Amino acid sequence: MDPAGAGATAGGGGSLSEIYQNARRLLLRTRDGLARLERFESSSFSSAAASSSSSAPLGIGLDSPELSFSVKRDIAQIQSLCTDMDRLWRSIPAKGQRDLWKRKVEQVTEEVDSLKEGLDKSSSANKKRMMEAKERAELFQRAGESEHVLRIFDDEAQALQSARNSSMMLEEAYATGVAVLSKHAEQRDRLKRAQRKALDILNTVGLSNSVLKLIERRHRVDKWVAYGGMIATIIVVYLFWRWTH
């Protein structure tokens, strides 16, 4: 490294070379963290399990918000280092070294911008997946509520059908009772008519007996009248004969 480049220092301490090496280490760590964050978010929505290993360079747990915050913090730190390096390479007197450091700083700046863009895309994709998951959950909830409502309607329809069936059974039982009562009324009318006919016959028979008895009594009276008349005639004839002789 040229002494001019190595000797340039930031206001807070540290040479341009040291700041650059620190930025490169942060870039590697940030790139690895972003990759693990993308794997974690993908696997969390597909299998609800963490996917990063415990031997990662960072001592970051498997919590997605914590990992995302760590990546954002590293990116912000790299951008701050790029600002320091941009100020330092401009103070290098040698043009060749200045151009070399300019390209290095621009490369780091491009890489950190790319990582920031990747983090933004990952965050947007994560938010989109979360919204889709929320919408699916709401759809499932509405579907469950619709199924519950349909089940209630089915129960009510079954209850109404059961009530209609019961009403039909009652109507059939009522119609059967009415038919039985009608038959009983018809049988009662027939029995009454038969009873009246029997009484009429009995009355007719009783009247005939009375007439026969009356005729017999009249016949006996007539017979005694005839006998009486005959006896009276004989007496009158005898008396007349006696009177004439």
C-alpha atoms as a PDB file:
ATOM      1  CA  MET A   1       0.000   0.000   0.000  1.00  0.00           C
ATOM      2  CA  ASP A   2       1.293   3.431  -0.864  1.00  0.00           C
ATOM      3  CA  PRO A   3       2.248   5.472   2.198  1.00  0.00           C
ATOM      4  CA  ALA A   4      -0.048   8.252   1.084  1.00  0.00           C
ATOM      5  CA  GLY A   5      -3.025   5.930   1.050  1.00  0.00           C
ATOM      6  CA  ALA A   6      -2.062   4.167   4.261  1.00  0.00           C
ATOM      7  CA  GLY A   7      -1.371   7.426   6.065  1.00  0.00           C
ATOM      8  CA  ALA A   8      -4.774   9.024   5.389  1.00  0.00           C
ATOM      9  CA  THR A   9      -6.864   8.939   8.545  1.00  0.00           C
ATOM     10  CA  ALA A  10     -10.437   9.733   9.432  1.00  0.00           C
ATOM     11  CA  GLY A  11     -11.398  12.340  11.935  1.00  0.00           C
ATOM     12  CA  GLY A  12     -12.463   9.629  14.382  1.00  0.00           C
ATOM     13  CA  GLY A  13      -9.176   7.722  14.020  1.00  0.00           C
ATOM     14  CA  GLY A  14      -8.052   4.885  11.714  1.00  0.00           C
ATOM     15  CA  SER A  15      -6.384   4.934   8.332  1.00  0.00           C
ATOM     16  CA  LEU A  16      -8.184   4.640   4.995  1.00  0.00           C
ATOM     17  CA  SER A  17      -6.872   1.085   4.632  1.00  0.00           C
ATOM     18  CA  GLU A  18      -8.159   0.087   8.073  1.00  0.00           C
ATOM     19  CA  ILE A  19     -11.563   1.620   7.369  1.00  0.00           C
ATOM     20  CA  TYR A  20     -11.706  -0.173   4.015  1.00  0.00           C
ATOM     21  CA  GLN A  21     -10.867  -3.548   5.580  1.00  0.00           C
ATOM     22  CA  ASN A  22     -13.483  -2.948   8.242  1.00  0.00           C
ATOM     23  CA  ALA A  23     -16.037  -2.093   5.554  1.00  0.00           C
ATOM     24  CA  ARG A  24     -15.174  -5.278   3.606  1.00  0.00           C
ATOM     25  CA  ARG A  25     -15.681  -7.390   6.727  1.00  0.00           C
ATOM     26  CA  LEU A  26     -19.043  -5.723   7.343  1.00  0.00           C
ATOM     27  CA  LEU A  27     -20.010  -6.337   3.712  1.00  0.00           C
ATOM     28  CA  LEU A  28     -19.332 -10.062   4.052  1.00  0.00           C
ATOM     29  CA  ARG A  29     -21.235 -10.233   7.305  1.00  0.00           C
ATOM     30  CA  THR A  30     -24.126  -8.220   5.884  1.00  0.00           C
ATOM     31  CA  ARG A  31     -24.289 -10.350   2.728  1.00  0.00           C
ATOM     32  CA  ASP A  32     -24.350 -13.513   4.830  1.00  0.00           C
ATOM     33  CA  GLY A  33     -26.978 -12.054   7.175  1.00  0.00           C
ATOM     34  CA  LEU A  34     -29.186 -10.999   4.249  1.00  0.00           C
ATOM     35  CA  ALA A  35     -28.961 -14.477   2.729  1.00  0.00           C
ATOM     36  CA  ARG A  36     -29.882 -16.070   6.044  1.00  0.00           C
ATOM     37  CA  LEU A  37     -32.732 -13.585   6.455  1.00  0.00           C
ATOM     38  CA  GLU A  38     -34.155 -14.495   3.029  1.00  0.00           C
ATOM     39  CA  ARG A  39     -33.856 -18.231   3.773  1.00  0.00           C
ATOM     40  CA  PHE A  40     -35.431 -17.757   7.174  1.00  0.00           C
ATOM     41  CA  GLU A  41     -38.395 -15.772   5.844  1.00  0.00           C
ATOM     42  CA  SER A  42     -38.993 -18.256   3.029  1.00  0.00           C
ATOM     43  CA  SER A  43     -38.838 -21.270   5.322  1.00  0.00           C
ATOM     44  CA  SER A  44     -40.964 -19.592   8.023  1.00  0.00           C
ATOM     45  CA  PHE A  45     -43.861 -19.287   5.596  1.00  0.00           C
ATOM     46  CA  SER A  46     -43.426 -22.765   4.110  1.00  0.00           C
ATOM     47  CA  SER A  47     -42.669 -24.905   7.152  1.00  0.00           C
ATOM     48  CA  ALA A  48     -42.822 -22.502  10.150  1.00  0.00           C
ATOM     49  CA  ALA A  49     -39.271 -23.523  11.162  1.00  0.00           C
ATOM     50  CA  ALA A  50     -35.999 -21.577  11.511  1.00  0.00           C
ATOM     51  CA  SER A  51     -33.377 -22.221   8.846  1.00  0.00           C
ATOM     52  CA  SER A  52     -30.163 -20.463   9.969  1.00  0.00           C
ATOM     53  CA  SER A  53     -27.352 -22.377  11.726  1.00  0.00           C
ATOM     54  CA  SER A  54     -25.872 -21.653  15.125  1.00  0.00           C
ATOM     55  CA  SER A  55     -22.337 -21.334  13.695  1.00  0.00           C
ATOM     56  CA  ALA A  56     -23.084 -18.073  11.886  1.00  0.00           C
ATOM     57  CA  PRO A  57     -20.507 -15.292  12.116  1.00  0.00           C
ATOM     58  CA  LEU A  58     -22.985 -13.158  13.995  1.00  0.00           C
ATOM     59  CA  GLY A  59     -24.325 -14.125  17.359  1.00  0.00           C
ATOM     60  CA  ILE A  60     -27.862 -13.418  16.107  1.00  0.00           C
ATOM     61  CA  GLY A  61     -30.744 -15.636  17.096  1.00  0.00           C
ATOM     62  CA  LEU A  62     -33.362 -17.079  14.769  1.00  0.00           C
ATOM     63  CA  ASP A  63     -35.781 -14.223  15.254  1.00  0.00           C
ATOM     64  CA  SER A  64     -36.511 -12.557  11.906  1.00  0.00           C
ATOM     65  CA  PRO A  65     -37.027  -8.976  13.217  1.00  0.00           C
ATOM     66  CA  GLU A  66     -33.759  -9.141  15.176  1.00  0.00           C
ATOM     67  CA  LEU A  67     -31.844 -10.452  12.158  1.00  0.00           C
ATOM     68  CA  SER A  68     -33.358  -7.762   9.905  1.00  0.00           C
ATOM     69  CA  PHE A  69     -32.427  -5.057  12.401  1.00  0.00           C
ATOM     70  CA  SER A  70     -28.842  -6.338  12.541  1.00  0.00           C
ATOM     71  CA  VAL A  71     -28.541  -6.263   8.732  1.00  0.00           C
ATOM     72  CA  LYS A  72     -29.931  -2.713   8.626  1.00  0.00           C
ATOM     73  CA  ARG A  73     -27.494  -1.638  11.324  1.00  0.00           C
ATOM     74  CA  ASP A  74     -24.515  -3.108   9.422  1.00  0.00           C
ATOM     75  CA  ILE A  75     -25.625  -1.414   6.204  1.00  0.00           C
ATOM     76  CA  ALA A  76     -25.892   1.921   7.991  1.00  0.00           C
ATOM     77  CA  GLN A  77     -22.433   1.420   9.449  1.00  0.00           C
ATOM     78  CA  ILE A  78     -20.962   0.580   6.037  1.00  0.00           C
ATOM     79  CA  GLN A  79     -22.553   3.686   4.545  1.00  0.00           C
ATOM     80  CA  SER A  80     -21.016   5.745   7.323  1.00  0.00           C
ATOM     81  CA  LEU A  81     -17.610   4.175   6.588  1.00  0.00           C
ATOM     82  CA  CYS A  82     -18.091   4.938   2.871  1.00  0.00           C
ATOM     83  CA  THR A  83     -18.661   8.587   3.783  1.00  0.00           C
ATOM     84  CA  ASP A  84     -15.405   8.617   5.752  1.00  0.00           C
ATOM     85  CA  MET A  85     -13.513   6.836   2.960  1.00  0.00           C
ATOM     86  CA  ASP A  86     -14.918   9.227   0.348  1.00  0.00           C
ATOM     87  CA  ARG A  87     -13.577  12.131   2.343  1.00  0.00           C
ATOM     88  CA  LEU A  88     -10.178  10.452   2.888  1.00  0.00           C
ATOM     89  CA  TRP A  89      -9.432   9.365  -0.681  1.00  0.00           C
ATOM     90  CA  ARG A  90     -10.035  12.923  -1.846  1.00  0.00           C
ATOM     91  CA  SER A  91      -7.225  14.102   0.480  1.00  0.00           C
ATOM     92  CA  ILE A  92      -4.635  11.748  -1.066  1.00  0.00           C
ATOM     93  CA  PRO A  93      -2.094  13.870  -2.973  1.00  0.00           C
ATOM     94  CA  ALA A  94      -0.958  11.199  -5.493  1.00  0.00           C
ATOM     95  CA  LYS A  95      -3.410  10.980  -8.385  1.00  0.00           C
ATOM     96  CA  GLY A  96      -2.783   7.292  -9.029  1.00  0.00           C
ATOM     97  CA  GLN A  97      -3.475   6.319  -5.442  1.00  0.00           C
ATOM     98  CA  ARG A  98      -6.417   8.683  -5.327  1.00  0.00           C
ATOM     99  CA  ASP A  99      -7.990   7.083  -8.405  1.00  0.00           C
ATOM    100  CA  LEU A 100      -7.349   3.604  -6.996  1.00  0.00           C
ATOM    101  CA  TRP A 101      -9.047   4.395  -3.704  1.00  0.00           C
ATOM    102  CA  LYS A 102     -11.846   6.145  -5.525  1.00  0.00           C
ATOM    103  CA  ARG A 103     -12.618   2.926  -7.431  1.00  0.00           C
ATOM    104  CA  LYS A 104     -12.404   0.873  -4.220  1.00  0.00           C
ATOM    105  CA  VAL A 105     -14.705   3.212  -2.324  1.00  0.00           C
ATOM    106  CA  GLU A 106     -17.147   3.328  -5.227  1.00  0.00           C
ATOM    107  CA  GLN A 107     -17.135  -0.492  -5.344  1.00  0.00           C
ATOM    108  CA  VAL A 108     -17.924  -0.686  -1.640  1.00  0.00           C
ATOM    109  CA  THR A 109     -20.625   1.961  -2.082  1.00  0.00           C
ATOM    110  CA  GLU A 110     -22.177   0.013  -4.951  1.00  0.00           C
ATOM    111  CA  GLU A 111     -22.099  -3.198  -2.980  1.00  0.00           C
ATOM    112  CA  VAL A 112     -23.714  -1.649   0.088  1.00  0.00           C
ATOM    113  CA  ASP A 113     -26.345  -0.004  -2.127  1.00  0.00           C
ATOM    114  CA  SER A 114     -27.016  -3.395  -3.684  1.00  0.00           C
ATOM    115  CA  LEU A 115     -27.330  -4.976  -0.245  1.00  0.00           C
ATOM    116  CA  LYS A 116     -29.674  -2.199   0.865  1.00  0.00           C
ATOM    117  CA  GLU A 117     -31.787  -2.749  -2.234  1.00  0.00           C
ATOM    118  CA  GLY A 118     -31.834  -6.497  -1.539  1.00  0.00           C
ATOM    119  CA  LEU A 119     -32.886  -5.841   2.065  1.00  0.00           C
ATOM    120  CA  ASP A 120     -35.671  -3.533   0.879  1.00  0.00           C
ATOM    121  CA  LYS A 121     -36.878  -6.152  -1.601  1.00  0.00           C
ATOM    122  CA  SER A 122     -36.729  -8.829   1.073  1.00  0.00           C
ATOM    123  CA  SER A 123     -38.706  -6.627   3.461  1.00  0.00           C
ATOM    124  CA  SER A 124     -41.277  -5.875   0.759  1.00  0.00           C
ATOM    125  CA  ALA A 125     -41.579  -9.554  -0.130  1.00  0.00           C
ATOM    126  CA  ASN A 126     -41.893 -10.421   3.549  1.00  0.00           C
ATOM    127  CA  LYS A 127     -44.647  -7.825   4.008  1.00  0.00           C
ATOM    128  CA  LYS A 128     -46.393  -9.132   0.889  1.00  0.00           C
ATOM    129  CA  ARG A 129     -46.228 -12.711   2.173  1.00  0.00           C
ATOM    130  CA  MET A 130     -47.539 -11.575   5.528  1.00  0.00           C
ATOM    131  CA  MET A 131     -50.441  -9.756   3.837  1.00  0.00           C
ATOM    132  CA  GLU A 132     -51.194 -12.832   1.713  1.00  0.00           C
ATOM    133  CA  ALA A 133     -51.077 -15.050   4.794  1.00  0.00           C
ATOM    134  CA  LYS A 134     -53.390 -12.640   6.608  1.00  0.00           C
ATOM    135  CA  GLU A 135     -55.775 -12.589   3.647  1.00  0.00           C
ATOM    136  CA  ARG A 136     -55.744 -16.391   3.486  1.00  0.00           C
ATOM    137  CA  ALA A 137     -56.466 -16.565   7.199  1.00  0.00           C
ATOM    138  CA  GLU A 138     -59.331 -14.105   6.789  1.00  0.00           C
ATOM    139  CA  LEU A 139     -60.652 -16.108   3.839  1.00  0.00           C
ATOM    140  CA  PHE A 140     -60.476 -19.299   5.880  1.00  0.00           C
ATOM    141  CA  GLN A 141     -62.194 -17.520   8.758  1.00  0.00           C
ATOM    142  CA  ARG A 142     -64.930 -16.198   6.473  1.00  0.00           C
ATOM    143  CA  ALA A 143     -65.248 -19.638   4.910  1.00  0.00           C
ATOM    144  CA  GLY A 144     -65.581 -21.127   8.389  1.00  0.00           C
ATOM    145  CA  GLU A 145     -68.192 -18.518   9.294  1.00  0.00           C
ATOM    146  CA  SER A 146     -70.030 -19.190   6.015  1.00  0.00           C
ATOM    147  CA  GLU A 147     -69.944 -22.898   6.739  1.00  0.00           C
ATOM    148  CA  HIS A 148     -71.283 -22.204  10.220  1.00  0.00           C
ATOM    149  CA  VAL A 149     -74.085 -20.074   8.772  1.00  0.00           C
ATOM    150  CA  LEU A 150     -74.880 -22.754   6.193  1.00  0.00           C
ATOM    151  CA  ARG A 151     -74.909 -25.344   8.959  1.00  0.00           C
ATOM    152  CA  ILE A 152     -77.367 -23.165  10.893  1.00  0.00           C
ATOM    153  CA  PHE A 153     -79.514 -22.813   7.769  1.00  0.00           C
ATOM    154  CA  ASP A 154     -79.371 -26.578   7.237  1.00  0.00           C
ATOM    155  CA  ASP A 155     -80.415 -27.171  10.839  1.00  0.00           C
ATOM    156  CA  GLU A 156     -83.261 -24.698  10.472  1.00  0.00           C
ATOM    157  CA  ALA A 157     -84.304 -26.285   7.165  1.00  0.00           C
ATOM    158  CA  GLN A 158     -84.257 -29.713   8.766  1.00  0.00           C
ATOM    159  CA  ALA A 159     -86.302 -28.394  11.672  1.00  0.00           C
ATOM    160  CA  LEU A 160     -88.823 -26.842   9.281  1.00  0.00           C
ATOM    161  CA  GLN A 161     -88.981 -30.059   7.269  1.00  0.00           C
ATOM    162  CA  SER A 162     -89.507 -32.037  10.465  1.00  0.00           C
ATOM    163  CA  ALA A 163     -92.286 -29.634  11.483  1.00  0.00           C
ATOM    164  CA  ARG A 164     -93.903 -29.988   8.057  1.00  0.00           C
ATOM    165  CA  ASN A 165     -93.665 -33.776   8.299  1.00  0.00           C
ATOM    166  CA  SER A 166     -95.237 -33.666  11.766  1.00  0.00           C
ATOM    167  CA  SER A 167     -98.000 -31.386  10.470  1.00  0.00           C
ATOM    168  CA  MET A 168     -98.665 -33.764   7.585  1.00  0.00           C
ATOM    169  CA  MET A 169     -98.811 -36.708   9.976  1.00  0.00           C
ATOM    170  CA  LEU A 170    -101.265 -34.808  12.196  1.00  0.00           C
ATOM    171  CA  GLU A 171    -103.398 -33.920   9.190  1.00  0.00           C
ATOM    172  CA  GLU A 172    -103.406 -37.539   8.051  1.00  0.00           C
ATOM    173  CA  ALA A 173    -104.330 -38.698  11.566  1.00  0.00           C
ATOM    174  CA  TYR A 174    -107.122 -36.075  11.681  1.00  0.00           C
ATOM    175  CA  ALA A 175    -108.431 -37.163   8.276  1.00  0.00           C
ATOM    176  CA  THR A 176    -108.363 -40.800   9.411  1.00  0.00           C
ATOM    177  CA  GLY A 177    -110.277 -39.893  12.583  1.00  0.00           C
ATOM    178  CA  VAL A 178    -112.849 -37.949  10.578  1.00  0.00           C
ATOM    179  CA  ALA A 179    -113.317 -40.924   8.223  1.00  0.00           C
ATOM    180  CA  VAL A 180    -113.735 -43.306  11.167  1.00  0.00           C
ATOM    181  CA  LEU A 181    -116.276 -40.989  12.795  1.00  0.00           C
ATOM    182  CA  SER A 182    -118.147 -40.667   9.492  1.00  0.00           C
ATOM    183  CA  LYS A 183    -118.337 -44.443   9.173  1.00  0.00           C
ATOM    184  CA  HIS A 184    -119.544 -44.729  12.745  1.00  0.00           C
ATOM    185  CA  ALA A 185    -122.206 -42.067  12.044  1.00  0.00           C
ATOM    186  CA  GLU A 186    -123.346 -43.962   8.933  1.00  0.00           C
ATOM    187  CA  GLN A 187    -123.517 -47.209  10.898  1.00  0.00           C
ATOM    188  CA  ARG A 188    -125.495 -45.430  13.635  1.00  0.00           C
ATOM    189  CA  ASP A 189    -127.943 -44.079  11.051  1.00  0.00           C
ATOM    190  CA  ARG A 190    -128.383 -47.552   9.561  1.00  0.00           C
ATOM    191  CA  LEU A 191    -128.961 -49.002  13.021  1.00  0.00           C
ATOM    192  CA  LYS A 192    -131.541 -46.307  13.763  1.00  0.00           C
ATOM    193  CA  ARG A 193    -133.350 -47.000  10.496  1.00  0.00           C
ATOM    194  CA  ALA A 194    -133.341 -50.724  11.243  1.00  0.00           C
ATOM    195  CA  GLN A 195    -134.611 -50.016  14.721  1.00  0.00           C
ATOM    196  CA  ARG A 196    -137.427 -47.861  13.338  1.00  0.00           C
ATOM    197  CA  LYS A 197    -138.369 -50.595  10.855  1.00  0.00           C
ATOM    198  CA  ALA A 198    -138.405 -53.170  13.620  1.00  0.00           C
ATOM    199  CA  LEU A 199    -140.613 -50.924  15.750  1.00  0.00           C
ATOM    200  CA  ASP A 200    -142.896 -50.378  12.790  1.00  0.00           C
ATOM    201  CA  ILE A 201    -143.178 -54.131  12.267  1.00  0.00           C
ATOM    202  CA  LEU A 202    -143.838 -54.675  15.935  1.00  0.00           C
ATOM    203  CA  ASN A 203    -146.464 -51.926  15.932  1.00  0.00           C
ATOM    204  CA  THR A 204    -148.083 -53.444  12.865  1.00  0.00           C
ATOM    205  CA  VAL A 205    -148.169 -56.876  14.481  1.00  0.00           C
ATOM    206  CA  GLY A 206    -149.626 -55.423  17.692  1.00  0.00           C
ATOM    207  CA  LEU A 207    -152.386 -53.600  15.718  1.00  0.00           C
ATOM    208  CA  SER A 208    -153.295 -56.776  13.839  1.00  0.00           C
ATOM    209  CA  ASN A 209    -153.704 -58.647  17.097  1.00  0.00           C
ATOM    210  CA  SER A 210    -155.998 -55.937  18.456  1.00  0.00           C
ATOM    211  CA  VAL A 211    -158.205 -56.048  15.335  1.00  0.00           C
ATOM    212  CA  LEU A 212    -158.466 -59.843  15.462  1.00  0.00           C
ATOM    213  CA  LYS A 213    -159.460 -59.705  19.103  1.00  0.00           C
ATOM    214  CA  LEU A 214    -162.077 -57.039  18.306  1.00  0.00           C
ATOM    215  CA  ILE A 215    -163.472 -59.125  15.446  1.00  0.00           C
ATOM    216  CA  GLU A 216    -163.663 -62.212  17.594  1.00  0.00           C
ATOM    217  CA  ARG A 217    -165.466 -60.266  20.318  1.00  0.00           C
ATOM    218  CA  ARG A 218    -167.889 -58.783  17.749  1.00  0.00           C
ATOM    219  CA  HIS A 219    -168.475 -62.218  16.272  1.00  0.00           C
ATOM    220  CA  ARG A 220    -169.386 -63.591  19.683  1.00  0.00           C
ATOM    221  CA  VAL A 221    -171.758 -60.661  20.307  1.00  0.00           C
ATOM    222  CA  ASP A 222    -173.367 -61.147  16.910  1.00  0.00           C
ATOM    223  CA  LYS A 223    -173.772 -64.861  17.609  1.00  0.00           C
ATOM    224  CA  TRP A 224    -175.500 -64.150  20.946  1.00  0.00           C
ATOM    225  CA  VAL A 225    -177.719 -61.534  19.295  1.00  0.00           C
ATOM    226  CA  ALA A 226    -178.714 -64.077  16.656  1.00  0.00           C
ATOM    227  CA  TYR A 227    -179.424 -66.703  19.250  1.00  0.00           C
ATOM    228  CA  GLY A 228    -181.394 -64.184  21.294  1.00  0.00           C
ATOM    229  CA  GLY A 229    -183.392 -63.120  18.229  1.00  0.00           C
ATOM    230  CA  MET A 230    -184.176 -66.747  17.374  1.00  0.00           C
ATOM    231  CA  ILE A 231    -185.319 -67.472  20.903  1.00  0.00           C
ATOM    232  CA  ALA A 232    -187.426 -64.313  20.968  1.00  0.00           C
ATOM    233  CA  THR A 233    -189.015 -65.217  17.630  1.00  0.00           C
ATOM    234  CA  ILE A 234    -189.878 -68.693  18.879  1.00  0.00           C
ATOM    235  CA  ILE A 235    -191.371 -67.243  22.015  1.00  0.00           C
ATOM    236  CA  VAL A 236    -193.418 -64.743  20.028  1.00  0.00           C
ATOM    237  CA  VAL A 237    -194.658 -67.443  17.634  1.00  0.00           C
ATOM    238  CA  TYR A 238    -195.557 -69.701  20.500  1.00  0.00           C
ATOM    239  CA  LEU A 239    -197.398 -66.960  22.292  1.00  0.00           C
ATOM    240  CA  PHE A 240    -199.216 -66.021  19.119  1.00  0.00           C
ATOM    241  CA  TRP A 241    -200.212 -69.630  18.503  1.00  0.00           C
ATOM    242  CA  ARG A 242    -201.474 -69.985  21.993  1.00  0.00           C
ATOM    243  CA  TRP A 243    -203.423 -66.818  21.653  1.00  0.00           C
ATOM    244  CA  THR A 244    -205.064 -67.849  18.430  1.00  0.00           C
ATOM    245  CA  HIS A 245    -206.024 -71.320  19.728  1.00  0.00           C
END
